[in-house]
Amino acid sequence: MLTPYIRPQEAGNRTGVRWAEVTDARGAGLRFEGDPTMEFSALSWTPAEIESALHPNELPPIHRTIVRPALMRRGVAGDDSWGSRPLERYLLPTGDLEFRFAFRGIQNR
């Protein structure tokens, strides 16, 4: 789910996800389910590995999948790319938040 930008950057987050499955070629893997929904991404690199690479060929060889279920995520910036804050209506809520999701192993079907 990594967007092929000239300089790698974290991408591929999906919102409103009810469920997602991450499997190998044989169909074995994990199923994640939001309660009721979640944000979800599955990439082959950690955020630190992606941010450290200046070009796609500098990313480490693929040997794992990094899954990131989340309640919500904040974007990088506001209306511009030089440091303005997001508009008030796009800020994440503060205070006590609750995030619930489940996961279970699955096998080929």
Protein backbone atom coordinates (compact mmCIF):
# COMPACT_ATOMS: atom_id res chain seq x y z
CA MET A 1 0.00 0.00 0.00
CA LEU A 2 3.03 2.31 -0.32
CA THR A 3 2.44 5.05 -2.88
CA PRO A 4 5.38 5.17 -5.33
CA TYR A 5 6.50 8.74 -4.61
CA ILE A 6 9.99 9.83 -5.69
CA ARG A 7 10.90 10.11 -2.01
CA PRO A 8 9.25 7.37 0.09
CA GLN A 9 6.77 8.56 2.68
CA GLU A 10 4.26 6.81 4.87
CA ALA A 11 1.03 6.21 2.96
CA GLY A 12 -1.74 3.68 2.55
CA ASN A 13 -3.79 4.46 5.65
CA ARG A 14 -7.44 3.57 5.19
CA THR A 15 -10.30 5.04 7.23
CA GLY A 16 -13.67 3.52 8.11
CA VAL A 17 -12.28 -0.02 7.92
CA ARG A 18 -14.67 -2.67 9.27
CA TRP A 19 -12.22 -5.53 8.72
CA ALA A 20 -8.92 -6.28 6.99
CA GLU A 21 -7.00 -9.47 6.33
CA VAL A 22 -3.25 -9.78 5.92
CA THR A 23 -2.25 -13.17 4.51
CA ASP A 24 0.62 -14.96 2.85
CA ALA A 25 0.45 -16.63 -0.57
CA ARG A 26 -1.20 -19.72 0.99
CA GLY A 27 -3.98 -17.69 2.63
CA ALA A 28 -2.68 -17.97 6.21
CA GLY A 29 -2.53 -14.79 8.25
CA LEU A 30 -4.49 -12.46 10.48
CA ARG A 31 -7.95 -10.88 10.30
CA PHE A 32 -8.46 -7.54 12.07
CA GLU A 33 -11.95 -6.27 12.90
CA GLY A 34 -12.83 -2.75 14.04
CA ASP A 35 -15.42 -2.12 16.74
CA PRO A 36 -17.22 -0.66 14.87
CA THR A 37 -14.52 0.71 12.52
CA MET A 38 -10.84 1.59 12.62
CA GLU A 39 -8.08 3.09 10.57
CA PHE A 40 -5.69 0.54 9.13
CA SER A 41 -2.48 0.30 7.16
CA ALA A 42 -0.24 -2.58 6.19
CA LEU A 43 3.22 -1.78 4.84
CA SER A 44 6.45 -3.69 4.39
CA TRP A 45 8.51 -1.13 6.32
CA THR A 46 8.34 0.71 9.62
CA PRO A 47 7.67 4.46 9.58
CA ALA A 48 11.34 5.04 10.56
CA GLU A 49 12.59 2.94 7.63
CA ILE A 50 10.36 4.82 5.20
CA GLU A 51 11.36 8.26 6.50
CA SER A 52 15.08 7.32 6.39
CA ALA A 53 15.03 6.41 2.69
CA LEU A 54 15.66 9.21 0.19
CA HIS A 55 14.65 6.97 -2.74
CA PRO A 56 12.62 3.73 -3.04
CA ASN A 57 15.74 1.67 -3.80
CA GLU A 58 17.05 2.60 -0.31
CA LEU A 59 14.20 0.77 1.45
CA PRO A 60 15.29 -2.50 3.10
CA PRO A 61 14.37 -5.80 1.43
CA ILE A 62 10.81 -6.91 2.15
CA HIS A 63 10.60 -9.68 4.77
CA ARG A 64 7.65 -8.69 6.96
CA THR A 65 4.38 -6.79 7.08
CA ILE A 66 3.87 -3.96 9.56
CA VAL A 67 0.18 -3.66 10.44
CA ARG A 68 -1.08 -0.53 12.14
CA PRO A 69 -4.69 -0.60 13.34
CA ALA A 70 -5.62 2.74 14.92
CA LEU A 71 -8.54 4.71 16.31
CA MET A 72 -7.56 7.74 14.23
CA ARG A 73 -4.50 9.44 12.79
CA ARG A 74 -3.53 13.00 12.24
CA GLY A 75 -2.06 14.09 8.94
CA VAL A 76 1.30 15.78 8.56
CA ALA A 77 0.24 19.40 8.18
CA GLY A 78 -2.57 21.87 7.64
CA ASP A 79 -3.47 23.80 4.50
CA ASP A 80 0.11 23.96 3.33
CA SER A 81 3.34 22.01 3.60
CA TRP A 82 5.36 24.58 5.52
CA GLY A 83 4.07 24.26 9.05
CA SER A 84 0.60 25.71 9.45
CA ARG A 85 -1.67 23.87 11.87
CA PRO A 86 -4.76 22.02 10.64
CA LEU A 87 -8.06 23.86 10.78
CA GLU A 88 -9.88 23.43 14.10
CA ARG A 89 -12.51 21.12 12.59
CA TYR A 90 -9.76 18.67 11.51
CA LEU A 91 -7.94 18.40 14.84
CA LEU A 92 -8.15 15.11 16.71
CA PRO A 93 -10.24 15.16 19.87
CA THR A 94 -8.47 15.33 23.22
CA GLY A 95 -9.32 13.68 26.51
CA ASP A 96 -10.23 10.07 27.19
CA LEU A 97 -10.62 8.03 24.01
CA GLU A 98 -11.38 4.33 23.62
CA PHE A 99 -10.22 2.14 20.76
CA ARG A 100 -11.46 -1.40 20.39
CA PHE A 101 -10.56 -3.96 17.75
CA ALA A 102 -10.09 -7.70 17.54
CA PHE A 103 -7.77 -9.94 15.61
CA ARG A 104 -7.57 -13.65 14.99
CA GLY A 105 -5.57 -16.11 12.94
CA ILE A 106 -6.96 -17.36 9.65
CA GLN A 107 -5.98 -20.20 7.36
CA ASN A 108 -6.48 -20.78 3.67
CA ARG A 109 -10.07 -21.36 2.72
